[in-house]
Amino acid sequence: LGQPARAGRVQADRIAEAFALAATAADDSDAPTPDLLRPNRRLVILSDFLTDPAWVQALLARAGALGVRGVLMQVLDPDEENFPYSGAVVFRSLSGRVRHDSRDAAGLRQAYLTRLAERRDWLRAQADGAGWHFGHHSTDHAPAVALGWLYRVLGG
């Protein structure tokens, strides 16, 4: 978030405030740019990774050159994980820029789930290839589960 790393509760409050005040990107992409990386740091990227993932490769390539290690953590809502929709549904991105009207959402379920699995496999392969970790978390589980895993893989 463009802030120096600090310890303690105040830093957690600063990070939470920065997240809350961050503007939504007009193109639905809030991907970090590789030029923000600093040598020999650890980085955790929390995302749904549902937009164009090309930025992941660029970021991991730059991270490797700088000795940056980290984690890609895919965070999804149970509805994004299971696609329980049926009938006529309008799907839209957070910004509203991307929109899809479906008259038979249930007919999209298998293709969506297949692509989601393929994306997760691709992310895992990208992370592995860069010496990073990949994890996923569903928002219907306690955040402590994901945070505990992150702590362990980051060598806490």
Protein backbone atom coordinates (compact mmCIF):
# COMPACT_ATOMS: atom_id res chain seq x y z
CA LEU A 1 0.00 0.00 0.00
CA GLY A 2 2.99 2.27 -0.43
CA GLN A 3 3.72 2.46 3.29
CA PRO A 4 6.88 1.40 5.08
CA ALA A 5 6.56 -1.78 7.11
CA ARG A 6 5.96 -1.19 10.80
CA ALA A 7 5.04 -3.43 13.68
CA GLY A 8 2.10 -3.18 16.02
CA ARG A 9 -1.59 -2.47 16.07
CA VAL A 10 -1.23 1.04 14.66
CA GLN A 11 0.18 -0.37 11.43
CA ALA A 12 -2.76 -2.79 11.14
CA ASP A 13 -5.12 0.17 11.54
CA ARG A 14 -3.24 2.11 8.85
CA ILE A 15 -3.47 -0.81 6.43
CA ALA A 16 -7.19 -1.28 7.13
CA GLU A 17 -7.80 2.44 6.58
CA ALA A 18 -5.86 2.40 3.29
CA PHE A 19 -7.93 -0.56 2.07
CA ALA A 20 -11.18 1.14 3.06
CA LEU A 21 -10.27 4.41 1.34
CA ALA A 22 -8.79 2.89 -1.82
CA ALA A 23 -10.68 3.88 -4.94
CA THR A 24 -12.02 1.17 -7.22
CA ALA A 25 -10.03 1.02 -10.42
CA ALA A 26 -12.04 2.05 -13.48
CA ASP A 27 -11.00 -1.10 -15.33
CA ASP A 28 -11.69 -3.49 -12.42
CA SER A 29 -8.00 -4.21 -12.05
CA ASP A 30 -6.24 -3.23 -8.87
CA ALA A 31 -3.20 -5.35 -9.57
CA PRO A 32 0.07 -4.19 -8.06
CA THR A 33 2.65 -2.96 -10.54
CA PRO A 34 6.08 -4.60 -10.55
CA ASP A 35 7.81 -1.23 -10.11
CA LEU A 36 6.50 -1.07 -6.51
CA LEU A 37 8.59 -4.08 -5.47
CA ARG A 38 11.65 -3.61 -3.26
CA PRO A 39 14.54 -6.08 -2.96
CA ASN A 40 14.49 -8.96 -0.51
CA ARG A 41 11.01 -8.40 0.89
CA ARG A 42 8.10 -10.72 1.47
CA LEU A 43 4.84 -9.96 -0.28
CA VAL A 44 1.32 -11.30 0.20
CA ILE A 45 -1.16 -10.70 -2.61
CA LEU A 46 -4.81 -11.23 -1.70
CA SER A 47 -7.11 -11.25 -4.72
CA ASP A 48 -9.94 -13.13 -6.35
CA PHE A 49 -7.71 -13.38 -9.45
CA LEU A 50 -10.82 -13.35 -11.64
CA THR A 51 -9.61 -10.58 -13.97
CA ASP A 52 -6.99 -10.98 -16.68
CA PRO A 53 -4.07 -12.64 -14.85
CA ALA A 54 -1.28 -11.43 -17.17
CA TRP A 55 -0.04 -9.09 -14.44
CA VAL A 56 0.83 -12.08 -12.24
CA GLN A 57 3.58 -13.25 -14.58
CA ALA A 58 5.12 -9.78 -14.85
CA LEU A 59 5.03 -9.29 -11.11
CA LEU A 60 6.54 -12.68 -10.32
CA ALA A 61 9.30 -12.22 -12.90
CA ARG A 62 10.29 -8.88 -11.35
CA ALA A 63 9.94 -10.32 -7.84
CA GLY A 64 12.32 -13.14 -8.70
CA ALA A 65 14.90 -10.70 -10.03
CA LEU A 66 14.72 -8.72 -6.77
CA GLY A 67 14.73 -11.67 -4.39
CA VAL A 68 11.16 -11.01 -3.32
CA ARG A 69 9.36 -14.06 -1.96
CA GLY A 70 5.73 -14.36 -1.13
CA VAL A 71 2.25 -15.74 -1.42
CA LEU A 72 -0.60 -15.52 -3.89
CA MET A 73 -3.81 -16.00 -1.90
CA GLN A 74 -7.06 -16.37 -3.83
CA VAL A 75 -10.00 -15.19 -1.72
CA LEU A 76 -13.46 -16.03 -3.00
CA ASP A 77 -17.01 -15.80 -1.76
CA PRO A 78 -18.85 -19.16 -1.56
CA ASP A 79 -21.01 -18.05 -4.50
CA GLU A 80 -17.85 -17.50 -6.56
CA GLU A 81 -16.60 -20.95 -5.51
CA ASN A 82 -19.84 -22.86 -6.19
CA PHE A 83 -21.77 -20.79 -8.75
CA PRO A 84 -25.24 -21.56 -7.32
CA TYR A 85 -27.09 -19.37 -9.82
CA SER A 86 -29.97 -20.39 -12.04
CA GLY A 87 -32.45 -18.63 -14.27
CA ALA A 88 -31.98 -15.07 -15.49
CA VAL A 89 -29.06 -13.37 -13.74
CA VAL A 90 -27.11 -10.20 -14.46
CA PHE A 91 -23.45 -10.55 -13.53
CA ARG A 92 -21.41 -7.37 -13.23
CA SER A 93 -18.03 -6.33 -11.97
CA LEU A 94 -17.51 -4.05 -9.02
CA SER A 95 -17.14 -1.01 -11.26
CA GLY A 96 -20.04 -2.09 -13.47
CA ARG A 97 -17.79 -1.87 -16.52
CA VAL A 98 -17.98 -5.61 -17.19
CA ARG A 99 -21.51 -7.00 -17.42
CA HIS A 100 -23.01 -10.27 -18.59
CA ASP A 101 -26.75 -10.95 -18.85
CA SER A 102 -27.65 -14.62 -18.69
CA ARG A 103 -31.07 -16.14 -19.21
CA ASP A 104 -29.84 -19.53 -18.05
CA ALA A 105 -27.15 -19.09 -15.40
CA ALA A 106 -27.29 -22.79 -14.49
CA GLY A 107 -26.19 -23.56 -18.05
CA LEU A 108 -22.96 -21.62 -17.38
CA ARG A 109 -22.12 -23.43 -14.13
CA GLN A 110 -19.92 -26.23 -15.45
CA ALA A 111 -17.94 -23.99 -17.81
CA TYR A 112 -17.41 -21.46 -15.01
CA LEU A 113 -16.28 -24.11 -12.52
CA THR A 114 -13.93 -25.61 -15.10
CA ARG A 115 -12.36 -22.23 -15.84
CA LEU A 116 -12.08 -21.45 -12.13
CA ALA A 117 -10.23 -24.74 -11.55
CA GLU A 118 -7.97 -24.03 -14.53
CA ARG A 119 -7.22 -20.54 -13.18
CA ARG A 120 -6.39 -21.94 -9.75
CA ASP A 121 -4.07 -24.55 -11.30
CA TRP A 122 -2.40 -21.83 -13.39
CA LEU A 123 -1.91 -19.61 -10.33
CA ARG A 124 -0.44 -22.51 -8.38
CA ALA A 125 1.96 -23.28 -11.25
CA GLN A 126 3.01 -19.63 -11.50
CA ALA A 127 3.62 -19.43 -7.76
CA ASP A 128 5.54 -22.72 -7.69
CA GLY A 129 7.67 -21.66 -10.65
CA ALA A 130 8.64 -18.47 -8.85
CA GLY A 131 9.35 -20.17 -5.54
CA TRP A 132 6.24 -18.64 -4.02
CA HIS A 133 3.29 -20.22 -2.24
CA PHE A 134 -0.29 -20.38 -3.46
CA GLY A 135 -3.31 -20.67 -1.23
CA HIS A 136 -7.01 -20.10 -1.45
CA HIS A 137 -9.57 -19.05 1.11
CA SER A 138 -13.35 -18.96 1.08
CA THR A 139 -14.99 -16.12 2.98
CA ASP A 140 -17.37 -18.52 4.72
CA HIS A 141 -14.39 -19.80 6.73
CA ALA A 142 -12.81 -17.92 9.61
CA PRO A 143 -10.04 -15.52 8.53
CA ALA A 144 -7.85 -17.08 11.23
CA VAL A 145 -7.53 -20.21 9.08
CA ALA A 146 -5.99 -18.27 6.19
CA LEU A 147 -3.92 -16.07 8.49
CA GLY A 148 -2.52 -19.12 10.31
CA TRP A 149 -1.54 -20.70 7.00
CA LEU A 150 0.09 -17.46 5.85
CA TYR A 151 2.04 -17.22 9.08
CA ARG A 152 3.34 -20.77 8.65
CA VAL A 153 4.36 -20.49 4.99
CA LEU A 154 6.02 -17.13 5.50
CA GLY A 155 8.20 -18.60 8.22
CA GLY A 156 6.50 -16.93 11.17
